[in-house]
Amino acid sequence: MYKVFVGDKPIILTTVVEKESNFKNYLLKTVNIKKVIRKLNTKTSLAEVRLIHKKEEKLIKKFLKKLPNVVAGGGKVYNDNGDILFIYRNDKWDLPKGKTERKETIEETAIREVTEETGVTGLQITKPLETTYHIFKRNGRYKIKITYWFEMKTSFKGDLHAQEEEGITKVEWLNSEEVAKALDNSYANIKALI
């Protein structure tokens, strides 16, 4: 099973057909994805959409062919105090991430983007995290962002610098209490990662 977010509502990719209640079932093979996105974006009691395919191993591959893909890397970064690095962009708390460039590995992308967006250096990847998927609209076209996340650590003690040209207005280390508050104003895929 996979979750692809449209705003805070998920498209669930699954092999299991269940009786519809606050969700709708569609066959992955024949679904009109733009219609599904529009349905999820309207004010409705529809909590999610489920796209069904009989083969588990083909779910994500077939879905990713429905729209152009944007590949990104990002980090859930811990400092020596166990605080997590957050950015504030578009009036929401988020984790630093960004698109891959040319021949970078996804790990290089994640480290570069965290450094560019926050000013934090000395990053070390400790382990890969869950990959997230969300649909966004750019220049009138829907795209799927595939973000490969990594847990990272750093002993960085310097000043934090928000990358303003990327729309970031704040960068902060948040302790567990502050993280809980920030998640009230964050994205569904970030809540799933934390």
C-alpha atoms as a PDB file:
ATOM      1  CA  MET A   1       0.000   0.000   0.000  1.00  0.00           C
ATOM      2  CA  TYR A   2       1.159   3.523  -0.826  1.00  0.00           C
ATOM      3  CA  LYS A   3      -0.215   6.958   0.047  1.00  0.00           C
ATOM      4  CA  VAL A   4       0.016   9.872  -2.375  1.00  0.00           C
ATOM      5  CA  PHE A   5      -1.192  13.145  -0.905  1.00  0.00           C
ATOM      6  CA  VAL A   6      -3.335  15.747  -2.643  1.00  0.00           C
ATOM      7  CA  GLY A   7      -3.221  18.487  -0.025  1.00  0.00           C
ATOM      8  CA  ASP A   8      -3.980  16.582   3.189  1.00  0.00           C
ATOM      9  CA  LYS A   9      -6.138  13.936   1.525  1.00  0.00           C
ATOM     10  CA  PRO A  10      -4.552  10.668   0.423  1.00  0.00           C
ATOM     11  CA  ILE A  11      -4.851   8.628  -2.709  1.00  0.00           C
ATOM     12  CA  ILE A  12      -4.304   5.083  -1.439  1.00  0.00           C
ATOM     13  CA  LEU A  13      -2.734   2.621  -3.879  1.00  0.00           C
ATOM     14  CA  THR A  14      -3.880  -0.846  -2.865  1.00  0.00           C
ATOM     15  CA  THR A  15      -4.776  -4.351  -4.018  1.00  0.00           C
ATOM     16  CA  VAL A  16      -7.735  -4.568  -1.618  1.00  0.00           C
ATOM     17  CA  VAL A  17     -11.263  -3.581  -2.637  1.00  0.00           C
ATOM     18  CA  GLU A  18     -13.405  -2.493   0.314  1.00  0.00           C
ATOM     19  CA  LYS A  19     -16.992  -1.287   0.516  1.00  0.00           C
ATOM     20  CA  GLU A  20     -17.041   2.473  -0.015  1.00  0.00           C
ATOM     21  CA  SER A  21     -17.955   4.724   2.903  1.00  0.00           C
ATOM     22  CA  ASN A  22     -16.179   8.102   3.003  1.00  0.00           C
ATOM     23  CA  PHE A  23     -13.914   7.089   0.113  1.00  0.00           C
ATOM     24  CA  LYS A  24     -14.223   6.037  -3.530  1.00  0.00           C
ATOM     25  CA  ASN A  25     -12.634   3.079  -5.315  1.00  0.00           C
ATOM     26  CA  TYR A  26     -11.277   3.338  -8.868  1.00  0.00           C
ATOM     27  CA  LEU A  27      -9.288   0.945 -11.015  1.00  0.00           C
ATOM     28  CA  LEU A  28      -5.728   2.241 -11.359  1.00  0.00           C
ATOM     29  CA  LYS A  29      -5.576   1.127 -14.979  1.00  0.00           C
ATOM     30  CA  THR A  30      -8.541   3.243 -16.165  1.00  0.00           C
ATOM     31  CA  VAL A  31      -8.742   6.094 -13.630  1.00  0.00           C
ATOM     32  CA  ASN A  32      -8.898   9.709 -14.818  1.00  0.00           C
ATOM     33  CA  ILE A  33      -6.297  11.047 -12.388  1.00  0.00           C
ATOM     34  CA  LYS A  34      -7.087  14.732 -13.007  1.00  0.00           C
ATOM     35  CA  LYS A  35     -10.743  14.107 -12.159  1.00  0.00           C
ATOM     36  CA  VAL A  36      -9.692  12.352  -8.917  1.00  0.00           C
ATOM     37  CA  ILE A  37      -7.410  15.263  -7.965  1.00  0.00           C
ATOM     38  CA  ARG A  38     -10.219  17.772  -8.585  1.00  0.00           C
ATOM     39  CA  LYS A  39     -12.590  15.673  -6.433  1.00  0.00           C
ATOM     40  CA  LEU A  40     -10.102  15.568  -3.559  1.00  0.00           C
ATOM     41  CA  ASN A  41      -9.477  19.325  -3.834  1.00  0.00           C
ATOM     42  CA  THR A  42     -13.173  20.249  -3.493  1.00  0.00           C
ATOM     43  CA  LYS A  43     -14.920  20.719  -0.156  1.00  0.00           C
ATOM     44  CA  THR A  44     -16.541  17.330   0.183  1.00  0.00           C
ATOM     45  CA  SER A  45     -16.996  14.536   2.696  1.00  0.00           C
ATOM     46  CA  LEU A  46     -14.657  12.428   0.561  1.00  0.00           C
ATOM     47  CA  ALA A  47     -11.745  11.589   2.889  1.00  0.00           C
ATOM     48  CA  GLU A  48      -9.661   9.643   0.383  1.00  0.00           C
ATOM     49  CA  VAL A  49      -9.601   7.854  -2.954  1.00  0.00           C
ATOM     50  CA  ARG A  50      -8.391   4.279  -3.399  1.00  0.00           C
ATOM     51  CA  LEU A  51      -6.834   3.147  -6.646  1.00  0.00           C
ATOM     52  CA  ILE A  52      -6.961  -0.617  -7.070  1.00  0.00           C
ATOM     53  CA  HIS A  53      -4.542  -2.853  -8.972  1.00  0.00           C
ATOM     54  CA  LYS A  54      -4.240  -6.612  -8.619  1.00  0.00           C
ATOM     55  CA  LYS A  55      -0.429  -6.688  -8.410  1.00  0.00           C
ATOM     56  CA  GLU A  56       1.140  -5.083  -5.313  1.00  0.00           C
ATOM     57  CA  GLU A  57       4.567  -4.788  -6.952  1.00  0.00           C
ATOM     58  CA  LYS A  58       3.146  -2.744  -9.857  1.00  0.00           C
ATOM     59  CA  LEU A  59       1.076  -0.241  -7.840  1.00  0.00           C
ATOM     60  CA  ILE A  60       3.560   2.622  -7.569  1.00  0.00           C
ATOM     61  CA  LYS A  61       5.178   2.035 -10.980  1.00  0.00           C
ATOM     62  CA  LYS A  62       1.849   2.221 -12.814  1.00  0.00           C
ATOM     63  CA  PHE A  63       0.679   5.219 -10.769  1.00  0.00           C
ATOM     64  CA  LEU A  64       3.846   7.235 -11.438  1.00  0.00           C
ATOM     65  CA  LYS A  65       3.166   6.956 -15.186  1.00  0.00           C
ATOM     66  CA  LYS A  66      -0.064   8.959 -14.755  1.00  0.00           C
ATOM     67  CA  LEU A  67       1.669  12.345 -14.274  1.00  0.00           C
ATOM     68  CA  PRO A  68       5.118  13.913 -14.751  1.00  0.00           C
ATOM     69  CA  ASN A  69       7.476  13.111 -11.859  1.00  0.00           C
ATOM     70  CA  VAL A  70       9.679  15.510  -9.886  1.00  0.00           C
ATOM     71  CA  VAL A  71      12.358  13.790  -7.796  1.00  0.00           C
ATOM     72  CA  ALA A  72      13.545  15.453  -4.580  1.00  0.00           C
ATOM     73  CA  GLY A  73      15.689  14.699  -1.556  1.00  0.00           C
ATOM     74  CA  GLY A  74      15.304  16.009   1.968  1.00  0.00           C
ATOM     75  CA  GLY A  75      16.326  15.632   5.553  1.00  0.00           C
ATOM     76  CA  LYS A  76      14.953  15.121   9.026  1.00  0.00           C
ATOM     77  CA  VAL A  77      17.977  16.630  10.770  1.00  0.00           C
ATOM     78  CA  TYR A  78      18.824  16.203  14.452  1.00  0.00           C
ATOM     79  CA  ASN A  79      21.317  18.350  16.373  1.00  0.00           C
ATOM     80  CA  ASP A  80      23.295  17.249  19.467  1.00  0.00           C
ATOM     81  CA  ASN A  81      20.320  18.177  21.719  1.00  0.00           C
ATOM     82  CA  GLY A  82      17.926  15.948  19.758  1.00  0.00           C
ATOM     83  CA  ASP A  83      16.082  18.952  18.252  1.00  0.00           C
ATOM     84  CA  ILE A  84      14.763  18.693  14.671  1.00  0.00           C
ATOM     85  CA  LEU A  85      15.503  21.269  11.959  1.00  0.00           C
ATOM     86  CA  PHE A  86      12.354  22.832  10.472  1.00  0.00           C
ATOM     87  CA  ILE A  87      11.717  25.465   7.818  1.00  0.00           C
ATOM     88  CA  TYR A  88       8.681  27.748   7.539  1.00  0.00           C
ATOM     89  CA  ARG A  89       7.436  28.286   3.977  1.00  0.00           C
ATOM     90  CA  ASN A  90       4.021  29.152   2.504  1.00  0.00           C
ATOM     91  CA  ASP A  91       2.632  29.653   6.046  1.00  0.00           C
ATOM     92  CA  LYS A  92       3.409  26.032   7.004  1.00  0.00           C
ATOM     93  CA  TRP A  93       6.149  24.189   8.876  1.00  0.00           C
ATOM     94  CA  ASP A  94       8.078  21.811   6.661  1.00  0.00           C
ATOM     95  CA  LEU A  95      11.340  19.885   6.493  1.00  0.00           C
ATOM     96  CA  PRO A  96      14.072  21.066   4.102  1.00  0.00           C
ATOM     97  CA  LYS A  97      14.035  19.350   0.709  1.00  0.00           C
ATOM     98  CA  GLY A  98      14.491  20.080  -2.977  1.00  0.00           C
ATOM     99  CA  LYS A  99      14.845  18.780  -6.515  1.00  0.00           C
ATOM    100  CA  THR A 100      17.778  16.765  -7.773  1.00  0.00           C
ATOM    101  CA  GLU A 101      20.270  18.417 -10.094  1.00  0.00           C
ATOM    102  CA  ARG A 102      22.013  16.705 -13.017  1.00  0.00           C
ATOM    103  CA  LYS A 103      24.198  13.784 -11.963  1.00  0.00           C
ATOM    104  CA  GLU A 104      23.717  14.042  -8.194  1.00  0.00           C
ATOM    105  CA  THR A 105      22.914  11.001  -6.119  1.00  0.00           C
ATOM    106  CA  ILE A 106      19.730  11.379  -4.073  1.00  0.00           C
ATOM    107  CA  GLU A 107      21.870  11.518  -0.901  1.00  0.00           C
ATOM    108  CA  GLU A 108      23.920  14.401  -2.360  1.00  0.00           C
ATOM    109  CA  THR A 109      20.674  16.188  -3.267  1.00  0.00           C
ATOM    110  CA  ALA A 110      19.309  15.822   0.263  1.00  0.00           C
ATOM    111  CA  ILE A 111      22.472  17.183   1.902  1.00  0.00           C
ATOM    112  CA  ARG A 112      22.827  20.057  -0.610  1.00  0.00           C
ATOM    113  CA  GLU A 113      19.196  21.099  -0.246  1.00  0.00           C
ATOM    114  CA  VAL A 114      19.263  21.058   3.573  1.00  0.00           C
ATOM    115  CA  THR A 115      22.423  23.205   3.524  1.00  0.00           C
ATOM    116  CA  GLU A 116      21.045  25.648   0.897  1.00  0.00           C
ATOM    117  CA  GLU A 117      17.665  26.085   2.601  1.00  0.00           C
ATOM    118  CA  THR A 118      18.931  26.375   6.192  1.00  0.00           C
ATOM    119  CA  GLY A 119      22.660  27.226   6.275  1.00  0.00           C
ATOM    120  CA  VAL A 120      23.378  24.072   8.307  1.00  0.00           C
ATOM    121  CA  THR A 121      26.613  22.244   7.444  1.00  0.00           C
ATOM    122  CA  GLY A 122      28.425  19.153   8.719  1.00  0.00           C
ATOM    123  CA  LEU A 123      25.478  16.905   7.849  1.00  0.00           C
ATOM    124  CA  GLN A 124      25.791  13.138   8.104  1.00  0.00           C
ATOM    125  CA  ILE A 125      23.137  10.749   6.851  1.00  0.00           C
ATOM    126  CA  THR A 126      22.324   8.171   9.535  1.00  0.00           C
ATOM    127  CA  LYS A 127      19.611   6.219   7.681  1.00  0.00           C
ATOM    128  CA  PRO A 128      17.049   6.434   4.867  1.00  0.00           C
ATOM    129  CA  LEU A 129      13.460   7.196   5.861  1.00  0.00           C
ATOM    130  CA  GLU A 130      10.139   6.575   4.140  1.00  0.00           C
ATOM    131  CA  THR A 131       9.720   7.994   0.632  1.00  0.00           C
ATOM    132  CA  THR A 132       6.768  10.391   0.346  1.00  0.00           C
ATOM    133  CA  TYR A 133       4.575  11.220  -2.641  1.00  0.00           C
ATOM    134  CA  HIS A 134       2.403  14.272  -3.190  1.00  0.00           C
ATOM    135  CA  ILE A 135       0.661  15.902  -6.111  1.00  0.00           C
ATOM    136  CA  PHE A 136       1.056  19.604  -6.782  1.00  0.00           C
ATOM    137  CA  LYS A 137       0.165  22.009  -9.566  1.00  0.00           C
ATOM    138  CA  ARG A 138       2.796  24.117 -11.330  1.00  0.00           C
ATOM    139  CA  ASN A 139       2.106  26.296 -14.369  1.00  0.00           C
ATOM    140  CA  GLY A 140      -1.361  24.773 -14.720  1.00  0.00           C
ATOM    141  CA  ARG A 141      -0.077  21.160 -14.770  1.00  0.00           C
ATOM    142  CA  TYR A 142      -0.291  18.500 -12.092  1.00  0.00           C
ATOM    143  CA  LYS A 143       2.922  16.702 -11.145  1.00  0.00           C
ATOM    144  CA  ILE A 144       3.925  14.048  -8.619  1.00  0.00           C
ATOM    145  CA  LYS A 145       6.755  14.940  -6.258  1.00  0.00           C
ATOM    146  CA  ILE A 146       8.669  11.882  -5.070  1.00  0.00           C
ATOM    147  CA  THR A 147      10.750  12.847  -2.022  1.00  0.00           C
ATOM    148  CA  TYR A 148      13.446  10.545  -0.719  1.00  0.00           C
ATOM    149  CA  TRP A 149      13.990  11.401   2.947  1.00  0.00           C
ATOM    150  CA  PHE A 150      17.022  10.777   5.106  1.00  0.00           C
ATOM    151  CA  GLU A 151      17.564  11.043   8.807  1.00  0.00           C
ATOM    152  CA  MET A 152      20.655  13.179   9.388  1.00  0.00           C
ATOM    153  CA  LYS A 153      22.695  14.423  12.299  1.00  0.00           C
ATOM    154  CA  THR A 154      24.950  17.426  12.754  1.00  0.00           C
ATOM    155  CA  SER A 155      26.925  19.178  15.480  1.00  0.00           C
ATOM    156  CA  PHE A 156      26.399  22.526  13.690  1.00  0.00           C
ATOM    157  CA  LYS A 157      26.298  25.448  16.146  1.00  0.00           C
ATOM    158  CA  GLY A 158      26.277  28.401  13.711  1.00  0.00           C
ATOM    159  CA  ASP A 159      23.542  30.777  12.596  1.00  0.00           C
ATOM    160  CA  LEU A 160      20.588  29.476  10.619  1.00  0.00           C
ATOM    161  CA  HIS A 161      19.888  31.175   7.264  1.00  0.00           C
ATOM    162  CA  ALA A 162      16.484  30.950   5.566  1.00  0.00           C
ATOM    163  CA  GLN A 163      16.754  30.696   1.766  1.00  0.00           C
ATOM    164  CA  GLU A 164      14.366  33.578   1.067  1.00  0.00           C
ATOM    165  CA  GLU A 165      14.419  33.174  -2.736  1.00  0.00           C
ATOM    166  CA  GLU A 166      12.789  29.773  -2.119  1.00  0.00           C
ATOM    167  CA  GLY A 167      10.039  31.404  -0.040  1.00  0.00           C
ATOM    168  CA  ILE A 168      11.471  30.250   3.292  1.00  0.00           C
ATOM    169  CA  THR A 169      10.856  32.831   6.014  1.00  0.00           C
ATOM    170  CA  LYS A 170      12.161  30.974   9.099  1.00  0.00           C
ATOM    171  CA  VAL A 171      14.544  28.171   9.996  1.00  0.00           C
ATOM    172  CA  GLU A 172      14.453  26.791  13.532  1.00  0.00           C
ATOM    173  CA  TRP A 173      15.604  23.909  15.687  1.00  0.00           C
ATOM    174  CA  LEU A 174      12.469  22.625  17.402  1.00  0.00           C
ATOM    175  CA  ASN A 175      12.368  20.473  20.536  1.00  0.00           C
ATOM    176  CA  SER A 176       9.763  17.705  20.887  1.00  0.00           C
ATOM    177  CA  GLU A 177       7.127  20.054  22.381  1.00  0.00           C
ATOM    178  CA  GLU A 178       7.651  22.645  19.622  1.00  0.00           C
ATOM    179  CA  VAL A 179       7.594  19.890  16.967  1.00  0.00           C
ATOM    180  CA  ALA A 180       4.163  18.757  18.222  1.00  0.00           C
ATOM    181  CA  LYS A 181       2.851  22.354  17.858  1.00  0.00           C
ATOM    182  CA  ALA A 182       4.472  22.810  14.429  1.00  0.00           C
ATOM    183  CA  LEU A 183       2.829  19.635  13.125  1.00  0.00           C
ATOM    184  CA  ASP A 184      -0.595  21.229  13.742  1.00  0.00           C
ATOM    185  CA  ASN A 185       0.360  23.546  10.872  1.00  0.00           C
ATOM    186  CA  SER A 186       2.251  21.220   8.544  1.00  0.00           C
ATOM    187  CA  TYR A 187       1.667  18.779   5.702  1.00  0.00           C
ATOM    188  CA  ALA A 188       0.261  15.264   5.996  1.00  0.00           C
ATOM    189  CA  ASN A 189       3.405  13.656   4.573  1.00  0.00           C
ATOM    190  CA  ILE A 190       5.602  15.534   7.095  1.00  0.00           C
ATOM    191  CA  LYS A 191       3.347  14.389   9.953  1.00  0.00           C
ATOM    192  CA  ALA A 192       3.798  10.809   8.713  1.00  0.00           C
ATOM    193  CA  LEU A 193       7.605  11.206   8.726  1.00  0.00           C
ATOM    194  CA  ILE A 194       7.784  12.640  12.252  1.00  0.00           C
END
